[in-house]
């Protein structure tokens, strides 16, 4: 299975565990990703000229690259941030059984 171009992990952050849970469930129910993992983190960043740090939840979204734009649009529509982090990381290798499962549970 050629995973060089087929699969990705999309990262996004949200302000609360409740928003993370809601967004994760919606993404999976809409079959835009096979799995979403949520991790509590602290982010340090500059926003509008001010140094900030806040607790956030980081979502690791396992998906097919062919659905990236639809997933990005969905996140933007359902996100509370003015400029949400939405970053795609390519999966360059992976266990074939897991990658096949991603195909099976996401839209074709």
C-alpha atoms as a PDB file:
ATOM      1  CA  UNK A   1       0.000   0.000   0.000  1.00  0.00           C
ATOM      2  CA  UNK A   2       1.512   3.335  -1.049  1.00  0.00           C
ATOM      3  CA  UNK A   3       1.022   5.635   1.916  1.00  0.00           C
ATOM      4  CA  UNK A   4       3.227   8.423   0.502  1.00  0.00           C
ATOM      5  CA  UNK A   5       0.268  10.259  -0.954  1.00  0.00           C
ATOM      6  CA  UNK A   6      -2.815   8.623   0.518  1.00  0.00           C
ATOM      7  CA  UNK A   7      -2.917   9.408   4.249  1.00  0.00           C
ATOM      8  CA  UNK A   8      -2.296  12.264   6.650  1.00  0.00           C
ATOM      9  CA  UNK A   9      -2.602  13.487  10.201  1.00  0.00           C
ATOM     10  CA  UNK A  10      -4.332  16.839  10.583  1.00  0.00           C
ATOM     11  CA  UNK A  11      -3.666  18.890  13.698  1.00  0.00           C
ATOM     12  CA  UNK A  12      -5.953  21.496  15.194  1.00  0.00           C
ATOM     13  CA  UNK A  13      -6.265  23.048  18.636  1.00  0.00           C
ATOM     14  CA  UNK A  14      -9.346  24.177  20.545  1.00  0.00           C
ATOM     15  CA  UNK A  15      -9.870  26.056  23.794  1.00  0.00           C
ATOM     16  CA  UNK A  16     -11.712  23.418  25.838  1.00  0.00           C
ATOM     17  CA  UNK A  17     -12.135  19.694  26.363  1.00  0.00           C
ATOM     18  CA  UNK A  18     -15.849  20.067  25.608  1.00  0.00           C
ATOM     19  CA  UNK A  19     -15.180  21.668  22.232  1.00  0.00           C
ATOM     20  CA  UNK A  20     -12.537  19.018  21.476  1.00  0.00           C
ATOM     21  CA  UNK A  21     -14.951  16.195  22.256  1.00  0.00           C
ATOM     22  CA  UNK A  22     -17.731  17.761  20.201  1.00  0.00           C
ATOM     23  CA  UNK A  23     -15.508  18.443  17.198  1.00  0.00           C
ATOM     24  CA  UNK A  24     -13.853  15.006  17.341  1.00  0.00           C
ATOM     25  CA  UNK A  25     -17.208  13.206  17.417  1.00  0.00           C
ATOM     26  CA  UNK A  26     -18.576  15.273  14.532  1.00  0.00           C
ATOM     27  CA  UNK A  27     -15.500  14.627  12.373  1.00  0.00           C
ATOM     28  CA  UNK A  28     -15.741  10.862  12.899  1.00  0.00           C
ATOM     29  CA  UNK A  29     -19.532  10.732  12.434  1.00  0.00           C
ATOM     30  CA  UNK A  30     -19.173  12.673   9.161  1.00  0.00           C
ATOM     31  CA  UNK A  31     -16.544  10.078   8.095  1.00  0.00           C
ATOM     32  CA  UNK A  32     -13.975  12.792   7.461  1.00  0.00           C
ATOM     33  CA  UNK A  33     -11.445  10.850   9.536  1.00  0.00           C
ATOM     34  CA  UNK A  34     -11.019   7.374  10.931  1.00  0.00           C
ATOM     35  CA  UNK A  35      -9.812   8.449  14.347  1.00  0.00           C
ATOM     36  CA  UNK A  36      -9.329  11.606  16.395  1.00  0.00           C
ATOM     37  CA  UNK A  37      -7.152  11.638  19.485  1.00  0.00           C
ATOM     38  CA  UNK A  38      -7.276  14.512  21.967  1.00  0.00           C
ATOM     39  CA  UNK A  39      -4.421  15.662  24.183  1.00  0.00           C
ATOM     40  CA  UNK A  40      -4.441  18.508  26.703  1.00  0.00           C
ATOM     41  CA  UNK A  41      -1.565  20.914  26.093  1.00  0.00           C
ATOM     42  CA  UNK A  42      -0.385  24.448  26.876  1.00  0.00           C
ATOM     43  CA  UNK A  43       0.303  26.710  23.892  1.00  0.00           C
ATOM     44  CA  UNK A  44       2.665  29.690  23.843  1.00  0.00           C
ATOM     45  CA  UNK A  45       2.160  32.066  20.947  1.00  0.00           C
ATOM     46  CA  UNK A  46       2.007  35.650  19.716  1.00  0.00           C
ATOM     47  CA  UNK A  47      -1.443  36.987  18.880  1.00  0.00           C
ATOM     48  CA  UNK A  48      -2.055  40.533  17.683  1.00  0.00           C
ATOM     49  CA  UNK A  49       1.290  41.660  19.108  1.00  0.00           C
ATOM     50  CA  UNK A  50       0.795  40.099  22.523  1.00  0.00           C
ATOM     51  CA  UNK A  51       2.610  37.107  24.016  1.00  0.00           C
ATOM     52  CA  UNK A  52       0.004  34.594  25.176  1.00  0.00           C
ATOM     53  CA  UNK A  53      -0.136  31.171  26.753  1.00  0.00           C
ATOM     54  CA  UNK A  54      -3.271  29.161  27.232  1.00  0.00           C
ATOM     55  CA  UNK A  55      -4.397  25.646  27.987  1.00  0.00           C
ATOM     56  CA  UNK A  56      -5.765  24.002  24.855  1.00  0.00           C
ATOM     57  CA  UNK A  57      -6.672  20.601  23.490  1.00  0.00           C
ATOM     58  CA  UNK A  58      -4.747  19.288  20.497  1.00  0.00           C
ATOM     59  CA  UNK A  59      -6.644  17.045  18.100  1.00  0.00           C
ATOM     60  CA  UNK A  60      -4.690  14.443  16.100  1.00  0.00           C
ATOM     61  CA  UNK A  61      -6.967  13.604  13.171  1.00  0.00           C
ATOM     62  CA  UNK A  62      -6.101  10.510  11.075  1.00  0.00           C
ATOM     63  CA  UNK A  63      -7.535  10.876   7.589  1.00  0.00           C
ATOM     64  CA  UNK A  64      -7.110  10.383   3.867  1.00  0.00           C
ATOM     65  CA  UNK A  65      -5.381  13.188   1.978  1.00  0.00           C
ATOM     66  CA  UNK A  66      -8.130  13.127  -0.643  1.00  0.00           C
ATOM     67  CA  UNK A  67     -10.532  14.420   2.039  1.00  0.00           C
ATOM     68  CA  UNK A  68      -8.237  17.119   3.418  1.00  0.00           C
ATOM     69  CA  UNK A  69     -10.018  20.116   1.900  1.00  0.00           C
ATOM     70  CA  UNK A  70     -13.423  18.880   3.054  1.00  0.00           C
ATOM     71  CA  UNK A  71     -11.980  18.285   6.532  1.00  0.00           C
ATOM     72  CA  UNK A  72     -10.383  21.746   6.627  1.00  0.00           C
ATOM     73  CA  UNK A  73     -13.669  23.358   5.561  1.00  0.00           C
ATOM     74  CA  UNK A  74     -15.538  21.383   8.242  1.00  0.00           C
ATOM     75  CA  UNK A  75     -13.082  22.391  10.968  1.00  0.00           C
ATOM     76  CA  UNK A  76     -13.238  26.065   9.938  1.00  0.00           C
ATOM     77  CA  UNK A  77     -17.041  25.992   9.972  1.00  0.00           C
ATOM     78  CA  UNK A  78     -17.171  24.342  13.426  1.00  0.00           C
ATOM     79  CA  UNK A  79     -14.273  26.154  15.093  1.00  0.00           C
ATOM     80  CA  UNK A  80     -14.495  29.037  17.543  1.00  0.00           C
ATOM     81  CA  UNK A  81     -11.090  30.615  16.791  1.00  0.00           C
ATOM     82  CA  UNK A  82     -10.714  33.531  14.385  1.00  0.00           C
ATOM     83  CA  UNK A  83      -7.641  31.825  12.877  1.00  0.00           C
ATOM     84  CA  UNK A  84      -7.611  28.142  13.841  1.00  0.00           C
ATOM     85  CA  UNK A  85      -4.525  25.988  13.529  1.00  0.00           C
ATOM     86  CA  UNK A  86      -5.196  23.462  10.785  1.00  0.00           C
ATOM     87  CA  UNK A  87      -2.020  21.680   9.695  1.00  0.00           C
ATOM     88  CA  UNK A  88      -1.687  18.595   7.493  1.00  0.00           C
ATOM     89  CA  UNK A  89       1.212  16.180   8.097  1.00  0.00           C
ATOM     90  CA  UNK A  90       1.816  13.454   5.521  1.00  0.00           C
ATOM     91  CA  UNK A  91       1.977   9.853   6.657  1.00  0.00           C
ATOM     92  CA  UNK A  92       4.957   8.509   4.723  1.00  0.00           C
ATOM     93  CA  UNK A  93       4.788   4.974   6.109  1.00  0.00           C
ATOM     94  CA  UNK A  94       2.419   2.953   8.245  1.00  0.00           C
ATOM     95  CA  UNK A  95       1.068  -0.482   9.081  1.00  0.00           C
ATOM     96  CA  UNK A  96      -0.956  -1.638   6.086  1.00  0.00           C
ATOM     97  CA  UNK A  97      -3.796  -2.980   8.218  1.00  0.00           C
ATOM     98  CA  UNK A  98      -4.229   0.391   9.949  1.00  0.00           C
ATOM     99  CA  UNK A  99      -4.127   2.318   6.677  1.00  0.00           C
ATOM    100  CA  UNK A 100      -6.682  -0.075   5.168  1.00  0.00           C
ATOM    101  CA  UNK A 101      -8.919   0.565   8.191  1.00  0.00           C
ATOM    102  CA  UNK A 102      -8.714   4.331   7.523  1.00  0.00           C
ATOM    103  CA  UNK A 103     -10.023   3.609   3.998  1.00  0.00           C
ATOM    104  CA  UNK A 104     -12.817   1.390   5.316  1.00  0.00           C
ATOM    105  CA  UNK A 105     -14.269   3.895   7.793  1.00  0.00           C
ATOM    106  CA  UNK A 106     -13.952   7.121   5.799  1.00  0.00           C
ATOM    107  CA  UNK A 107     -15.935   8.183   2.756  1.00  0.00           C
ATOM    108  CA  UNK A 108     -14.649   7.045  -0.611  1.00  0.00           C
END
